[in-house]
């Protein structure tokens, strides 16, 4: 007689890009993956494990983790963590009303975008040439984790969707690496700053929750960004 296998529950969530994704909770193999970086949380290792865990847990044969936005990745990881370990996590808390400092539980299912998506995602570089900017994707964030200190300008490859003028459009994904490099190297520092300024206008995932101070009992909003506290 075969050993019975546990039926894994399925959940669904709507990611920031608007798509509905079906996923399963973490299993032992995912917990083992996360334990490998618990004490050595290098950014590139965190990205590698996040990608692997999310890829394992999404129930869709056509899902490609490298083709989603970084916001979608964060959202999926947090929701998987909530359905696997629990919906609340302890976070450091400093009360704005009294001197209390300690840990407090927040509800991580309240993950949301920090601000609305900008209506205009274009940047004019001069009178005739512009670029359409896009949010950082998973592939771009993984690249940035490796070259943030040595080649930060290469991040432009991952935040420009296409280049255009009045007559034509050039999509970055269809250009050769030489063509991309040649274009980027013609940009002035002011133009680069304009592009990155537009990137900063895109929202990020955050967790907003109303909590009550254990000391003074005053309610206040807490806003958390970053995933370093979720690898437990």
Protein backbone atom coordinates (compact mmCIF):
# COMPACT_ATOMS: atom_id res chain seq x y z
CA UNK A 1 0.00 0.00 0.00
CA UNK A 2 1.41 3.41 -1.02
CA UNK A 3 2.01 6.12 1.54
CA UNK A 4 -0.79 8.71 1.20
CA UNK A 5 0.31 12.09 -0.14
CA UNK A 6 -0.92 15.33 1.38
CA UNK A 7 -3.19 17.35 -0.88
CA UNK A 8 -1.78 20.89 -1.08
CA UNK A 9 -4.40 23.68 -0.99
CA UNK A 10 -4.52 26.25 -3.78
CA UNK A 11 -5.03 29.99 -3.36
CA UNK A 12 -5.38 32.90 -5.73
CA UNK A 13 -4.45 36.56 -5.61
CA UNK A 14 -4.56 39.58 -7.90
CA UNK A 15 -1.03 40.92 -8.38
CA UNK A 16 -0.26 44.65 -8.88
CA UNK A 17 -0.20 44.23 -12.68
CA UNK A 18 -3.87 43.18 -12.48
CA UNK A 19 -3.49 39.48 -13.28
CA UNK A 20 -5.03 36.72 -11.16
CA UNK A 21 -2.44 34.14 -10.14
CA UNK A 22 -3.10 30.74 -8.57
CA UNK A 23 -0.47 29.45 -6.15
CA UNK A 24 0.20 26.93 -3.43
CA UNK A 25 1.80 27.53 -0.01
CA UNK A 26 5.47 26.89 0.72
CA UNK A 27 6.37 23.25 1.26
CA UNK A 28 9.39 21.78 3.03
CA UNK A 29 11.56 22.17 -0.08
CA UNK A 30 10.85 25.92 -0.20
CA UNK A 31 11.54 26.31 3.53
CA UNK A 32 14.90 24.62 2.96
CA UNK A 33 15.68 27.08 0.19
CA UNK A 34 14.93 30.05 2.44
CA UNK A 35 17.01 28.64 5.29
CA UNK A 36 20.07 28.74 3.04
CA UNK A 37 20.07 32.56 3.14
CA UNK A 38 18.75 33.17 6.63
CA UNK A 39 22.16 34.17 7.97
CA UNK A 40 23.71 35.43 4.73
CA UNK A 41 21.18 37.79 3.16
CA UNK A 42 23.16 39.08 0.19
CA UNK A 43 20.84 40.90 -2.18
CA UNK A 44 21.61 38.66 -5.14
CA UNK A 45 21.02 35.53 -3.03
CA UNK A 46 17.71 36.88 -1.72
CA UNK A 47 16.63 37.55 -5.32
CA UNK A 48 17.69 34.09 -6.46
CA UNK A 49 15.74 32.36 -3.70
CA UNK A 50 12.67 34.58 -4.11
CA UNK A 51 12.56 33.77 -7.82
CA UNK A 52 12.95 30.05 -7.21
CA UNK A 53 10.33 29.92 -4.46
CA UNK A 54 7.74 31.91 -6.42
CA UNK A 55 8.42 29.89 -9.57
CA UNK A 56 7.93 26.64 -7.63
CA UNK A 57 4.67 27.73 -6.01
CA UNK A 58 2.79 29.34 -8.91
CA UNK A 59 0.44 26.83 -10.51
CA UNK A 60 0.78 27.70 -14.17
CA UNK A 61 3.00 25.85 -16.66
CA UNK A 62 3.39 29.02 -18.74
CA UNK A 63 4.49 31.20 -15.80
CA UNK A 64 7.93 32.77 -16.29
CA UNK A 65 9.21 34.56 -13.19
CA UNK A 66 11.71 36.58 -15.25
CA UNK A 67 8.89 38.21 -17.21
CA UNK A 68 6.91 39.68 -14.30
CA UNK A 69 7.45 42.99 -12.53
CA UNK A 70 9.36 43.14 -9.26
CA UNK A 71 6.17 44.38 -7.56
CA UNK A 72 4.35 41.25 -8.73
CA UNK A 73 7.19 39.11 -7.36
CA UNK A 74 7.06 40.81 -3.95
CA UNK A 75 3.28 40.53 -3.80
CA UNK A 76 3.32 36.83 -4.67
CA UNK A 77 6.08 36.06 -2.19
CA UNK A 78 4.29 37.86 0.64
CA UNK A 79 0.95 36.16 -0.09
CA UNK A 80 2.66 32.76 -0.28
CA UNK A 81 4.32 33.46 3.05
CA UNK A 82 0.94 34.48 4.54
CA UNK A 83 -0.77 31.27 3.40
CA UNK A 84 2.15 29.11 4.49
CA UNK A 85 3.43 30.48 7.82
CA UNK A 86 0.78 32.94 8.96
CA UNK A 87 -0.81 36.26 8.11
CA UNK A 88 0.95 38.22 10.86
CA UNK A 89 4.63 39.01 11.35
CA UNK A 90 6.42 40.73 14.21
CA UNK A 91 8.06 44.04 13.27
CA UNK A 92 10.09 46.55 15.27
CA UNK A 93 7.83 49.38 16.42
CA UNK A 94 8.58 52.85 17.80
CA UNK A 95 5.54 54.72 19.07
CA UNK A 96 5.15 58.31 17.87
CA UNK A 97 3.10 59.22 20.93
CA UNK A 98 5.19 57.77 23.75
CA UNK A 99 8.66 56.29 24.28
CA UNK A 100 7.63 52.67 23.72
CA UNK A 101 9.92 50.57 21.52
CA UNK A 102 9.35 46.90 20.90
CA UNK A 103 7.84 44.36 18.53
CA UNK A 104 4.30 44.46 17.22
CA UNK A 105 2.26 42.20 14.94
CA UNK A 106 1.21 43.47 11.51
CA UNK A 107 -1.07 41.84 8.93
CA UNK A 108 1.02 41.13 5.83
CA UNK A 109 -2.06 40.36 3.69
CA UNK A 110 -2.58 44.14 3.62
CA UNK A 111 0.13 44.40 0.99
CA UNK A 112 -0.64 47.14 -1.53
CA UNK A 113 0.98 49.70 -3.81
CA UNK A 114 2.48 52.76 -2.14
CA UNK A 115 0.92 55.20 -4.63
CA UNK A 116 -1.07 55.22 -7.90
CA UNK A 117 0.69 54.28 -11.14
CA UNK A 118 1.73 57.47 -12.99
CA UNK A 119 -0.57 58.36 -15.89
CA UNK A 120 2.34 59.55 -18.05
CA UNK A 121 5.24 57.11 -18.40
CA UNK A 122 7.11 58.94 -21.16
CA UNK A 123 10.22 61.11 -20.93
CA UNK A 124 11.22 63.51 -23.71
CA UNK A 125 15.01 63.55 -24.01
CA UNK A 126 15.02 66.44 -26.49
CA UNK A 127 12.53 68.06 -28.86
CA UNK A 128 12.21 64.98 -31.07
CA UNK A 129 13.32 61.85 -29.15
CA UNK A 130 11.65 60.30 -26.14
CA UNK A 131 11.55 57.06 -24.20
CA UNK A 132 8.72 55.11 -22.63
CA UNK A 133 9.67 54.01 -19.13
CA UNK A 134 8.46 50.85 -17.37
CA UNK A 135 8.65 49.58 -13.77
CA UNK A 136 11.66 47.50 -12.83
CA UNK A 137 11.08 43.84 -13.65
CA UNK A 138 12.43 40.78 -11.86
CA UNK A 139 15.19 40.37 -14.41
CA UNK A 140 16.22 44.00 -13.97
CA UNK A 141 16.24 43.80 -10.18
CA UNK A 142 18.33 40.64 -10.29
CA UNK A 143 20.78 42.42 -12.60
CA UNK A 144 20.92 45.48 -10.35
CA UNK A 145 21.70 43.27 -7.35
CA UNK A 146 24.86 42.15 -9.13
CA UNK A 147 26.12 45.39 -10.69
CA UNK A 148 24.70 48.21 -8.53
CA UNK A 149 28.19 49.37 -7.54
CA UNK A 150 30.11 48.59 -10.73
CA UNK A 151 27.76 49.39 -13.61
CA UNK A 152 24.64 51.26 -12.42
CA UNK A 153 23.93 52.76 -15.88
CA UNK A 154 23.21 49.28 -17.25
CA UNK A 155 19.98 49.47 -15.24
CA UNK A 156 18.64 51.70 -18.03
CA UNK A 157 18.41 48.58 -20.22
CA UNK A 158 15.73 47.29 -17.84
CA UNK A 159 13.62 50.41 -17.27
CA UNK A 160 13.33 51.71 -20.84
CA UNK A 161 10.53 50.00 -22.75
CA UNK A 162 11.13 51.68 -26.09
CA UNK A 163 12.73 54.70 -27.76
CA UNK A 164 10.66 56.76 -30.19
CA UNK A 165 10.51 59.82 -32.40
CA UNK A 166 7.75 61.16 -34.67
CA UNK A 167 8.44 58.56 -37.37
CA UNK A 168 9.46 55.37 -35.59
CA UNK A 169 9.62 53.31 -32.40
CA UNK A 170 12.49 51.05 -31.29
CA UNK A 171 11.60 48.45 -28.65
CA UNK A 172 14.50 47.68 -26.31
CA UNK A 173 13.74 43.94 -26.30
CA UNK A 174 14.21 43.86 -30.09
CA UNK A 175 17.49 45.77 -30.09
CA UNK A 176 20.95 44.20 -29.93
CA UNK A 177 23.10 44.80 -26.88
CA UNK A 178 25.43 46.96 -29.01
CA UNK A 179 22.50 49.12 -30.15
CA UNK A 180 21.32 49.55 -26.55
CA UNK A 181 24.82 50.41 -25.35
CA UNK A 182 25.36 52.89 -28.18
CA UNK A 183 22.07 54.62 -27.33
CA UNK A 184 22.71 54.76 -23.58
CA UNK A 185 26.21 56.16 -24.07
CA UNK A 186 24.81 59.12 -26.05
CA UNK A 187 22.67 60.21 -23.08
CA UNK A 188 23.70 63.14 -20.92
CA UNK A 189 23.66 62.89 -17.14
CA UNK A 190 20.65 65.20 -17.08
CA UNK A 191 18.75 62.89 -19.43
CA UNK A 192 19.65 59.85 -17.32
CA UNK A 193 18.39 61.68 -14.22
CA UNK A 194 15.10 62.45 -15.99
CA UNK A 195 14.62 58.77 -16.87
CA UNK A 196 15.44 57.54 -13.36
CA UNK A 197 13.23 60.26 -11.89
CA UNK A 198 10.30 58.85 -13.87
CA UNK A 199 11.16 55.33 -12.64
CA UNK A 200 10.96 56.62 -9.06
CA UNK A 201 7.39 57.77 -9.72
CA UNK A 202 6.23 54.17 -10.07
CA UNK A 203 4.72 52.70 -6.89
CA UNK A 204 6.34 50.01 -4.77
CA UNK A 205 4.79 47.25 -2.73
CA UNK A 206 4.28 48.11 0.91
CA UNK A 207 2.28 46.85 3.87
CA UNK A 208 0.12 49.43 5.60
CA UNK A 209 -1.65 48.45 8.81
CA UNK A 210 -3.22 50.25 11.76
CA UNK A 211 -1.72 49.11 15.04
CA UNK A 212 -2.29 49.97 18.69
CA UNK A 213 0.68 50.86 20.87
CA UNK A 214 0.93 48.33 23.73
CA UNK A 215 2.00 51.14 26.08
CA UNK A 216 -0.20 54.21 25.43
CA UNK A 217 -2.97 52.41 23.50
CA UNK A 218 -2.88 55.03 20.75
CA UNK A 219 -3.65 53.76 17.24
CA UNK A 220 -1.35 54.69 14.41
CA UNK A 221 -0.49 53.59 10.89
CA UNK A 222 2.62 51.55 10.21
CA UNK A 223 4.14 51.35 6.74
CA UNK A 224 6.63 48.59 5.90
CA UNK A 225 8.70 48.07 2.75
CA UNK A 226 11.34 45.41 2.06
CA UNK A 227 11.41 41.65 2.40
CA UNK A 228 14.30 41.06 4.78
CA UNK A 229 11.91 40.09 7.60
CA UNK A 230 10.06 37.42 5.67
CA UNK A 231 12.72 34.73 5.36
CA UNK A 232 11.68 33.02 8.60
